[in-house]
Amino acid sequence: MMHAMRTTITLEPDAAALVKRLMDERGLSFKEAVNHAIRAGLAPAPRRRFRTPTRRMGFQPSLAWDKALRLAGELEDEELARRLDERQ
């Protein structure tokens, strides 16, 4: 069984305003609002399942998707060569 702990706290003006707003919004007593704020701020956040959306890219047998980095490098090399040719 948990026993209540009675203590004195000094709230800075911004924190007092937040507690007051919580009291007004939810109809809570000062004690209830402070306890709620402490629990909300110190309790571990619930873990959400991470999901990565997937997209169909279509099947193109002419493209070797497992060689995508090599293809990107070749395209970049071609673009750099084109730019160098334009300068001359």
PDB file of N, CA and C in Angstrom:
ATOM      1  N   MET A   1       0.847  -1.183   0.000  1.00  0.00           N
ATOM      2  CA  MET A   1       0.000   0.000   0.000  1.00  0.00           C
ATOM      3  C   MET A   1       0.885   1.237   0.000  1.00  0.00           C
ATOM      4  N   MET A   2       0.609   2.146  -0.930  1.00  0.00           N
ATOM      5  CA  MET A   2       1.392   3.375  -1.003  1.00  0.00           C
ATOM      6  C   MET A   2       0.812   4.405  -0.056  1.00  0.00           C
ATOM      7  N   HIS A   3       1.697   5.076   0.636  1.00  0.00           N
ATOM      8  CA  HIS A   3       1.263   6.149   1.531  1.00  0.00           C
ATOM      9  C   HIS A   3       1.537   7.475   0.858  1.00  0.00           C
ATOM     10  N   ALA A   4       0.646   8.413   1.093  1.00  0.00           N
ATOM     11  CA  ALA A   4       0.829   9.743   0.521  1.00  0.00           C
ATOM     12  C   ALA A   4       1.984  10.436   1.234  1.00  0.00           C
ATOM     13  N   MET A   5       2.750  11.206   0.454  1.00  0.00           N
ATOM     14  CA  MET A   5       3.852  11.973   1.025  1.00  0.00           C
ATOM     15  C   MET A   5       3.474  13.438   0.939  1.00  0.00           C
ATOM     16  N   ARG A   6       3.476  14.082   2.047  1.00  0.00           N
ATOM     17  CA  ARG A   6       3.134  15.499   2.079  1.00  0.00           C
ATOM     18  C   ARG A   6       4.427  16.291   2.045  1.00  0.00           C
ATOM     19  N   THR A   7       4.497  17.247   1.096  1.00  0.00           N
ATOM     20  CA  THR A   7       5.710  18.032   0.959  1.00  0.00           C
ATOM     21  C   THR A   7       5.355  19.430   0.477  1.00  0.00           C
ATOM     22  N   THR A   8       6.308  20.319   0.580  1.00  0.00           N
ATOM     23  CA  THR A   8       6.133  21.679   0.091  1.00  0.00           C
ATOM     24  C   THR A   8       6.998  21.850  -1.142  1.00  0.00           C
ATOM     25  N   ILE A   9       6.408  22.388  -2.209  1.00  0.00           N
ATOM     26  CA  ILE A   9       7.181  22.654  -3.412  1.00  0.00           C
ATOM     27  C   ILE A   9       7.025  24.124  -3.796  1.00  0.00           C
ATOM     28  N   THR A  10       8.027  24.634  -4.436  1.00  0.00           N
ATOM     29  CA  THR A  10       7.967  25.995  -4.967  1.00  0.00           C
ATOM     30  C   THR A  10       7.987  25.882  -6.479  1.00  0.00           C
ATOM     31  N   LEU A  11       6.917  26.363  -7.099  1.00  0.00           N
ATOM     32  CA  LEU A  11       6.815  26.300  -8.549  1.00  0.00           C
ATOM     33  C   LEU A  11       7.263  27.620  -9.156  1.00  0.00           C
ATOM     34  N   GLU A  12       8.006  27.523 -10.225  1.00  0.00           N
ATOM     35  CA  GLU A  12       8.355  28.723 -10.968  1.00  0.00           C
ATOM     36  C   GLU A  12       7.094  29.190 -11.691  1.00  0.00           C
ATOM     37  N   PRO A  13       7.021  30.471 -12.052  1.00  0.00           N
ATOM     38  CA  PRO A  13       5.781  31.018 -12.631  1.00  0.00           C
ATOM     39  C   PRO A  13       5.266  30.255 -13.858  1.00  0.00           C
ATOM     40  N   ASP A  14       6.155  29.822 -14.751  1.00  0.00           N
ATOM     41  CA  ASP A  14       5.689  29.107 -15.935  1.00  0.00           C
ATOM     42  C   ASP A  14       5.102  27.749 -15.572  1.00  0.00           C
ATOM     43  N   ALA A  15       5.722  27.058 -14.608  1.00  0.00           N
ATOM     44  CA  ALA A  15       5.202  25.758 -14.173  1.00  0.00           C
ATOM     45  C   ALA A  15       3.873  25.933 -13.444  1.00  0.00           C
ATOM     46  N   ALA A  16       3.768  26.978 -12.631  1.00  0.00           N
ATOM     47  CA  ALA A  16       2.508  27.245 -11.918  1.00  0.00           C
ATOM     48  C   ALA A  16       1.385  27.525 -12.914  1.00  0.00           C
ATOM     49  N   ALA A  17       1.694  28.243 -13.982  1.00  0.00           N
ATOM     50  CA  ALA A  17       0.682  28.535 -15.000  1.00  0.00           C
ATOM     51  C   ALA A  17       0.227  27.256 -15.696  1.00  0.00           C
ATOM     52  N   LEU A  18       1.167  26.340 -15.954  1.00  0.00           N
ATOM     53  CA  LEU A  18       0.794  25.071 -16.584  1.00  0.00           C
ATOM     54  C   LEU A  18      -0.098  24.242 -15.672  1.00  0.00           C
ATOM     55  N   VAL A  19       0.232  24.210 -14.383  1.00  0.00           N
ATOM     56  CA  VAL A  19      -0.592  23.458 -13.428  1.00  0.00           C
ATOM     57  C   VAL A  19      -1.970  24.094 -13.334  1.00  0.00           C
ATOM     58  N   LYS A  20      -2.027  25.411 -13.292  1.00  0.00           N
ATOM     59  CA  LYS A  20      -3.308  26.122 -13.221  1.00  0.00           C
ATOM     60  C   LYS A  20      -4.155  25.824 -14.458  1.00  0.00           C
ATOM     61  N   ARG A  21      -3.520  25.823 -15.633  1.00  0.00           N
ATOM     62  CA  ARG A  21      -4.260  25.527 -16.859  1.00  0.00           C
ATOM     63  C   ARG A  21      -4.817  24.104 -16.823  1.00  0.00           C
ATOM     64  N   LEU A  22      -4.002  23.157 -16.343  1.00  0.00           N
ATOM     65  CA  LEU A  22      -4.454  21.767 -16.228  1.00  0.00           C
ATOM     66  C   LEU A  22      -5.629  21.667 -15.262  1.00  0.00           C
ATOM     67  N   MET A  23      -5.560  22.401 -14.157  1.00  0.00           N
ATOM     68  CA  MET A  23      -6.653  22.406 -13.183  1.00  0.00           C
ATOM     69  C   MET A  23      -7.943  22.914 -13.831  1.00  0.00           C
ATOM     70  N   ASP A  24      -7.833  24.022 -14.565  1.00  0.00           N
ATOM     71  CA  ASP A  24      -9.015  24.618 -15.193  1.00  0.00           C
ATOM     72  C   ASP A  24      -9.589  23.730 -16.289  1.00  0.00           C
ATOM     73  N   GLU A  25      -8.696  23.162 -17.136  1.00  0.00           N
ATOM     74  CA  GLU A  25      -9.155  22.347 -18.261  1.00  0.00           C
ATOM     75  C   GLU A  25      -9.838  21.067 -17.817  1.00  0.00           C
ATOM     76  N   ARG A  26      -9.316  20.453 -16.767  1.00  0.00           N
ATOM     77  CA  ARG A  26      -9.824  19.133 -16.365  1.00  0.00           C
ATOM     78  C   ARG A  26     -10.605  19.132 -15.057  1.00  0.00           C
ATOM     79  N   GLY A  27     -10.737  20.299 -14.460  1.00  0.00           N
ATOM     80  CA  GLY A  27     -11.484  20.373 -13.200  1.00  0.00           C
ATOM     81  C   GLY A  27     -10.786  19.625 -12.073  1.00  0.00           C
ATOM     82  N   LEU A  28      -9.460  19.698 -12.030  1.00  0.00           N
ATOM     83  CA  LEU A  28      -8.680  18.982 -11.019  1.00  0.00           C
ATOM     84  C   LEU A  28      -8.321  19.896  -9.856  1.00  0.00           C
ATOM     85  N   SER A  29      -8.048  19.261  -8.733  1.00  0.00           N
ATOM     86  CA  SER A  29      -7.498  20.016  -7.610  1.00  0.00           C
ATOM     87  C   SER A  29      -6.013  20.252  -7.885  1.00  0.00           C
ATOM     88  N   PHE A  30      -5.394  21.121  -7.101  1.00  0.00           N
ATOM     89  CA  PHE A  30      -3.970  21.390  -7.266  1.00  0.00           C
ATOM     90  C   PHE A  30      -3.175  20.098  -7.121  1.00  0.00           C
ATOM     91  N   LYS A  31      -3.485  19.334  -6.075  1.00  0.00           N
ATOM     92  CA  LYS A  31      -2.773  18.080  -5.822  1.00  0.00           C
ATOM     93  C   LYS A  31      -2.921  17.110  -6.995  1.00  0.00           C
ATOM     94  N   GLU A  32      -4.144  16.969  -7.506  1.00  0.00           N
ATOM     95  CA  GLU A  32      -4.375  16.066  -8.636  1.00  0.00           C
ATOM     96  C   GLU A  32      -3.613  16.519  -9.880  1.00  0.00           C
ATOM     97  N   ALA A  33      -3.606  17.827 -10.133  1.00  0.00           N
ATOM     98  CA  ALA A  33      -2.922  18.353 -11.317  1.00  0.00           C
ATOM     99  C   ALA A  33      -1.419  18.144 -11.223  1.00  0.00           C
ATOM    100  N   VAL A  34      -0.836  18.387 -10.050  1.00  0.00           N
ATOM    101  CA  VAL A  34       0.606  18.203  -9.876  1.00  0.00           C
ATOM    102  C   VAL A  34       0.964  16.728 -10.024  1.00  0.00           C
ATOM    103  N   ASN A  35       0.189  15.837  -9.408  1.00  0.00           N
ATOM    104  CA  ASN A  35       0.454  14.403  -9.529  1.00  0.00           C
ATOM    105  C   ASN A  35       0.336  13.943 -10.980  1.00  0.00           C
ATOM    106  N   HIS A  36      -0.678  14.439 -11.680  1.00  0.00           N
ATOM    107  CA  HIS A  36      -0.850  14.082 -13.093  1.00  0.00           C
ATOM    108  C   HIS A  36       0.355  14.550 -13.910  1.00  0.00           C
ATOM    109  N   ALA A  37       0.779  15.779 -13.694  1.00  0.00           N
ATOM    110  CA  ALA A  37       1.909  16.336 -14.444  1.00  0.00           C
ATOM    111  C   ALA A  37       3.196  15.559 -14.167  1.00  0.00           C
ATOM    112  N   ILE A  38       3.410  15.198 -12.927  1.00  0.00           N
ATOM    113  CA  ILE A  38       4.617  14.430 -12.588  1.00  0.00           C
ATOM    114  C   ILE A  38       4.581  13.062 -13.257  1.00  0.00           C
ATOM    115  N   ARG A  39       3.443  12.390 -13.181  1.00  0.00           N
ATOM    116  CA  ARG A  39       3.333  11.065 -13.821  1.00  0.00           C
ATOM    117  C   ARG A  39       3.522  11.165 -15.333  1.00  0.00           C
ATOM    118  N   ALA A  40       2.903  12.181 -15.943  1.00  0.00           N
ATOM    119  CA  ALA A  40       3.004  12.337 -17.396  1.00  0.00           C
ATOM    120  C   ALA A  40       4.430  12.656 -17.816  1.00  0.00           C
ATOM    121  N   GLY A  41       5.138  13.415 -17.015  1.00  0.00           N
ATOM    122  CA  GLY A  41       6.495  13.801 -17.376  1.00  0.00           C
ATOM    123  C   GLY A  41       7.556  12.771 -17.060  1.00  0.00           C
ATOM    124  N   LEU A  42       7.334  11.948 -16.061  1.00  0.00           N
ATOM    125  CA  LEU A  42       8.370  11.015 -15.624  1.00  0.00           C
ATOM    126  C   LEU A  42       8.105   9.557 -15.990  1.00  0.00           C
ATOM    127  N   ALA A  43       6.884   9.242 -16.355  1.00  0.00           N
ATOM    128  CA  ALA A  43       6.579   7.856 -16.731  1.00  0.00           C
ATOM    129  C   ALA A  43       7.201   7.560 -18.087  1.00  0.00           C
ATOM    130  N   PRO A  44       7.676   6.341 -18.285  1.00  0.00           N
ATOM    131  CA  PRO A  44       8.233   6.002 -19.602  1.00  0.00           C
ATOM    132  C   PRO A  44       7.155   6.104 -20.668  1.00  0.00           C
ATOM    133  N   ALA A  45       7.532   6.623 -21.812  1.00  0.00           N
ATOM    134  CA  ALA A  45       6.594   6.763 -22.920  1.00  0.00           C
ATOM    135  C   ALA A  45       6.237   5.382 -23.459  1.00  0.00           C
ATOM    136  N   PRO A  46       4.977   5.188 -23.831  1.00  0.00           N
ATOM    137  CA  PRO A  46       4.608   3.889 -24.403  1.00  0.00           C
ATOM    138  C   PRO A  46       5.331   3.683 -25.731  1.00  0.00           C
ATOM    139  N   ARG A  47       5.803   2.493 -25.931  1.00  0.00           N
ATOM    140  CA  ARG A  47       6.528   2.186 -27.166  1.00  0.00           C
ATOM    141  C   ARG A  47       5.532   1.877 -28.258  1.00  0.00           C
ATOM    142  N   ARG A  48       5.696   2.562 -29.387  1.00  0.00           N
ATOM    143  CA  ARG A  48       4.836   2.316 -30.537  1.00  0.00           C
ATOM    144  C   ARG A  48       5.565   1.418 -31.518  1.00  0.00           C
ATOM    145  N   ARG A  49       4.802   0.572 -32.142  1.00  0.00           N
ATOM    146  CA  ARG A  49       5.387  -0.319 -33.141  1.00  0.00           C
ATOM    147  C   ARG A  49       5.802   0.507 -34.348  1.00  0.00           C
ATOM    148  N   PHE A  50       7.037   0.348 -34.765  1.00  0.00           N
ATOM    149  CA  PHE A  50       7.561   1.085 -35.908  1.00  0.00           C
ATOM    150  C   PHE A  50       7.243   0.329 -37.179  1.00  0.00           C
ATOM    151  N   ARG A  51       6.651   1.033 -38.128  1.00  0.00           N
ATOM    152  CA  ARG A  51       6.308   0.404 -39.398  1.00  0.00           C
ATOM    153  C   ARG A  51       6.860   1.261 -40.529  1.00  0.00           C
ATOM    154  N   THR A  52       7.453   0.612 -41.488  1.00  0.00           N
ATOM    155  CA  THR A  52       7.952   1.284 -42.675  1.00  0.00           C
ATOM    156  C   THR A  52       7.017   0.960 -43.825  1.00  0.00           C
ATOM    157  N   PRO A  53       6.423   1.997 -44.441  1.00  0.00           N
ATOM    158  CA  PRO A  53       5.536   1.701 -45.569  1.00  0.00           C
ATOM    159  C   PRO A  53       6.332   1.172 -46.754  1.00  0.00           C
ATOM    160  N   THR A  54       5.735   0.269 -47.473  1.00  0.00           N
ATOM    161  CA  THR A  54       6.392  -0.300 -48.653  1.00  0.00           C
ATOM    162  C   THR A  54       5.634   0.124 -49.895  1.00  0.00           C
ATOM    163  N   ARG A  55       6.332   0.159 -50.987  1.00  0.00           N
ATOM    164  CA  ARG A  55       5.741   0.535 -52.263  1.00  0.00           C
ATOM    165  C   ARG A  55       6.174  -0.466 -53.325  1.00  0.00           C
ATOM    166  N   ARG A  56       5.293  -0.755 -54.251  1.00  0.00           N
ATOM    167  CA  ARG A  56       5.653  -1.606 -55.384  1.00  0.00           C
ATOM    168  C   ARG A  56       6.460  -0.766 -56.361  1.00  0.00           C
ATOM    169  N   MET A  57       7.576  -1.298 -56.791  1.00  0.00           N
ATOM    170  CA  MET A  57       8.421  -0.589 -57.742  1.00  0.00           C
ATOM    171  C   MET A  57       8.266  -1.161 -59.142  1.00  0.00           C
ATOM    172  N   GLY A  58       7.475  -2.176 -59.260  1.00  0.00           N
ATOM    173  CA  GLY A  58       7.304  -2.806 -60.564  1.00  0.00           C
ATOM    174  C   GLY A  58       8.492  -3.691 -60.880  1.00  0.00           C
ATOM    175  N   PHE A  59       8.298  -4.574 -61.806  1.00  0.00           N
ATOM    176  CA  PHE A  59       9.372  -5.483 -62.182  1.00  0.00           C
ATOM    177  C   PHE A  59       9.889  -5.081 -63.549  1.00  0.00           C
ATOM    178  N   GLN A  60      11.158  -4.724 -63.612  1.00  0.00           N
ATOM    179  CA  GLN A  60      11.791  -4.373 -64.873  1.00  0.00           C
ATOM    180  C   GLN A  60      13.037  -5.235 -65.014  1.00  0.00           C
ATOM    181  N   PRO A  61      12.948  -6.310 -65.795  1.00  0.00           N
ATOM    182  CA  PRO A  61      14.079  -7.221 -65.890  1.00  0.00           C
ATOM    183  C   PRO A  61      15.339  -6.569 -66.461  1.00  0.00           C
ATOM    184  N   SER A  62      15.182  -5.429 -67.145  1.00  0.00           N
ATOM    185  CA  SER A  62      16.362  -4.773 -67.719  1.00  0.00           C
ATOM    186  C   SER A  62      17.194  -4.057 -66.652  1.00  0.00           C
ATOM    187  N   LEU A  63      16.622  -3.824 -65.463  1.00  0.00           N
ATOM    188  CA  LEU A  63      17.357  -3.151 -64.383  1.00  0.00           C
ATOM    189  C   LEU A  63      17.802  -4.165 -63.342  1.00  0.00           C
ATOM    190  N   ALA A  64      19.063  -4.098 -63.002  1.00  0.00           N
ATOM    191  CA  ALA A  64      19.584  -4.981 -61.949  1.00  0.00           C
ATOM    192  C   ALA A  64      19.513  -4.219 -60.625  1.00  0.00           C
ATOM    193  N   TRP A  65      18.421  -4.381 -59.878  1.00  0.00           N
ATOM    194  CA  TRP A  65      18.220  -3.633 -58.639  1.00  0.00           C
ATOM    195  C   TRP A  65      19.291  -3.932 -57.606  1.00  0.00           C
ATOM    196  N   ASP A  66      19.900  -5.102 -57.674  1.00  0.00           N
ATOM    197  CA  ASP A  66      20.952  -5.420 -56.718  1.00  0.00           C
ATOM    198  C   ASP A  66      22.254  -4.693 -57.059  1.00  0.00           C
ATOM    199  N   LYS A  67      22.281  -4.026 -58.181  1.00  0.00           N
ATOM    200  CA  LYS A  67      23.466  -3.256 -58.586  1.00  0.00           C
ATOM    201  C   LYS A  67      23.134  -1.761 -58.653  1.00  0.00           C
ATOM    202  N   ALA A  68      22.184  -1.316 -57.849  1.00  0.00           N
ATOM    203  CA  ALA A  68      21.700   0.064 -57.917  1.00  0.00           C
ATOM    204  C   ALA A  68      22.798   1.077 -57.605  1.00  0.00           C
ATOM    205  N   LEU A  69      23.665   0.792 -56.648  1.00  0.00           N
ATOM    206  CA  LEU A  69      24.738   1.739 -56.323  1.00  0.00           C
ATOM    207  C   LEU A  69      25.718   1.884 -57.486  1.00  0.00           C
ATOM    208  N   ARG A  70      26.010   0.788 -58.137  1.00  0.00           N
ATOM    209  CA  ARG A  70      26.908   0.864 -59.290  1.00  0.00           C
ATOM    210  C   ARG A  70      26.270   1.684 -60.413  1.00  0.00           C
ATOM    211  N   LEU A  71      24.982   1.443 -60.656  1.00  0.00           N
ATOM    212  CA  LEU A  71      24.261   2.192 -61.666  1.00  0.00           C
ATOM    213  C   LEU A  71      24.241   3.679 -61.326  1.00  0.00           C
ATOM    214  N   ALA A  72      23.997   4.021 -60.070  1.00  0.00           N
ATOM    215  CA  ALA A  72      23.993   5.423 -59.655  1.00  0.00           C
ATOM    216  C   ALA A  72      25.364   6.049 -59.870  1.00  0.00           C
ATOM    217  N   GLY A  73      26.414   5.321 -59.564  1.00  0.00           N
ATOM    218  CA  GLY A  73      27.771   5.818 -59.778  1.00  0.00           C
ATOM    219  C   GLY A  73      28.058   6.063 -61.250  1.00  0.00           C
ATOM    220  N   GLU A  74      27.622   5.149 -62.096  1.00  0.00           N
ATOM    221  CA  GLU A  74      27.827   5.318 -63.538  1.00  0.00           C
ATOM    222  C   GLU A  74      27.075   6.531 -64.064  1.00  0.00           C
ATOM    223  N   LEU A  75      25.836   6.718 -63.611  1.00  0.00           N
ATOM    224  CA  LEU A  75      25.056   7.874 -64.035  1.00  0.00           C
ATOM    225  C   LEU A  75      25.705   9.175 -63.569  1.00  0.00           C
ATOM    226  N   GLU A  76      26.216   9.169 -62.353  1.00  0.00           N
ATOM    227  CA  GLU A  76      26.898  10.354 -61.831  1.00  0.00           C
ATOM    228  C   GLU A  76      28.163  10.645 -62.644  1.00  0.00           C
ATOM    229  N   ASP A  77      28.917   9.599 -62.977  1.00  0.00           N
ATOM    230  CA  ASP A  77      30.127   9.785 -63.792  1.00  0.00           C
ATOM    231  C   ASP A  77      29.781  10.371 -65.155  1.00  0.00           C
ATOM    232  N   GLU A  78      28.713   9.868 -65.765  1.00  0.00           N
ATOM    233  CA  GLU A  78      28.288  10.384 -67.066  1.00  0.00           C
ATOM    234  C   GLU A  78      27.907  11.859 -66.966  1.00  0.00           C
ATOM    235  N   GLU A  79      27.205  12.228 -65.907  1.00  0.00           N
ATOM    236  CA  GLU A  79      26.800  13.619 -65.728  1.00  0.00           C
ATOM    237  C   GLU A  79      28.011  14.520 -65.524  1.00  0.00           C
ATOM    238  N   LEU A  80      28.981  14.085 -64.726  1.00  0.00           N
ATOM    239  CA  LEU A  80      30.200  14.872 -64.515  1.00  0.00           C
ATOM    240  C   LEU A  80      30.974  15.034 -65.823  1.00  0.00           C
ATOM    241  N   ALA A  81      31.065  13.973 -66.620  1.00  0.00           N
ATOM    242  CA  ALA A  81      31.765  14.052 -67.904  1.00  0.00           C
ATOM    243  C   ALA A  81      31.046  15.029 -68.836  1.00  0.00           C
ATOM    244  N   ARG A  82      29.715  15.013 -68.833  1.00  0.00           N
ATOM    245  CA  ARG A  82      28.944  15.918 -69.664  1.00  0.00           C
ATOM    246  C   ARG A  82      29.215  17.369 -69.268  1.00  0.00           C
ATOM    247  N   ARG A  83      29.240  17.650 -67.962  1.00  0.00           N
ATOM    248  CA  ARG A  83      29.505  19.003 -67.490  1.00  0.00           C
ATOM    249  C   ARG A  83      30.914  19.469 -67.853  1.00  0.00           C
ATOM    250  N   LEU A  84      31.885  18.565 -67.756  1.00  0.00           N
ATOM    251  CA  LEU A  84      33.250  18.930 -68.122  1.00  0.00           C
ATOM    252  C   LEU A  84      33.348  19.240 -69.615  1.00  0.00           C
ATOM    253  N   ASP A  85      32.640  18.474 -70.432  1.00  0.00           N
ATOM    254  CA  ASP A  85      32.643  18.718 -71.879  1.00  0.00           C
ATOM    255  C   ASP A  85      32.019  20.074 -72.205  1.00  0.00           C
ATOM    256  N   GLU A  86      30.987  20.467 -71.461  1.00  0.00           N
ATOM    257  CA  GLU A  86      30.333  21.761 -71.695  1.00  0.00           C
ATOM    258  C   GLU A  86      31.264  22.934 -71.397  1.00  0.00           C
ATOM    259  N   ARG A  87      32.161  22.770 -70.430  1.00  0.00           N
ATOM    260  CA  ARG A  87      33.094  23.837 -70.054  1.00  0.00           C
ATOM    261  C   ARG A  87      34.148  24.096 -71.120  1.00  0.00           C
ATOM    262  N   GLN A  88      34.460  23.072 -71.873  1.00  0.00           N
ATOM    263  CA  GLN A  88      35.561  23.217 -72.840  1.00  0.00           C
ATOM    264  C   GLN A  88      35.132  23.764 -74.154  1.00  0.00           C
TER     265      GLN A  88
END
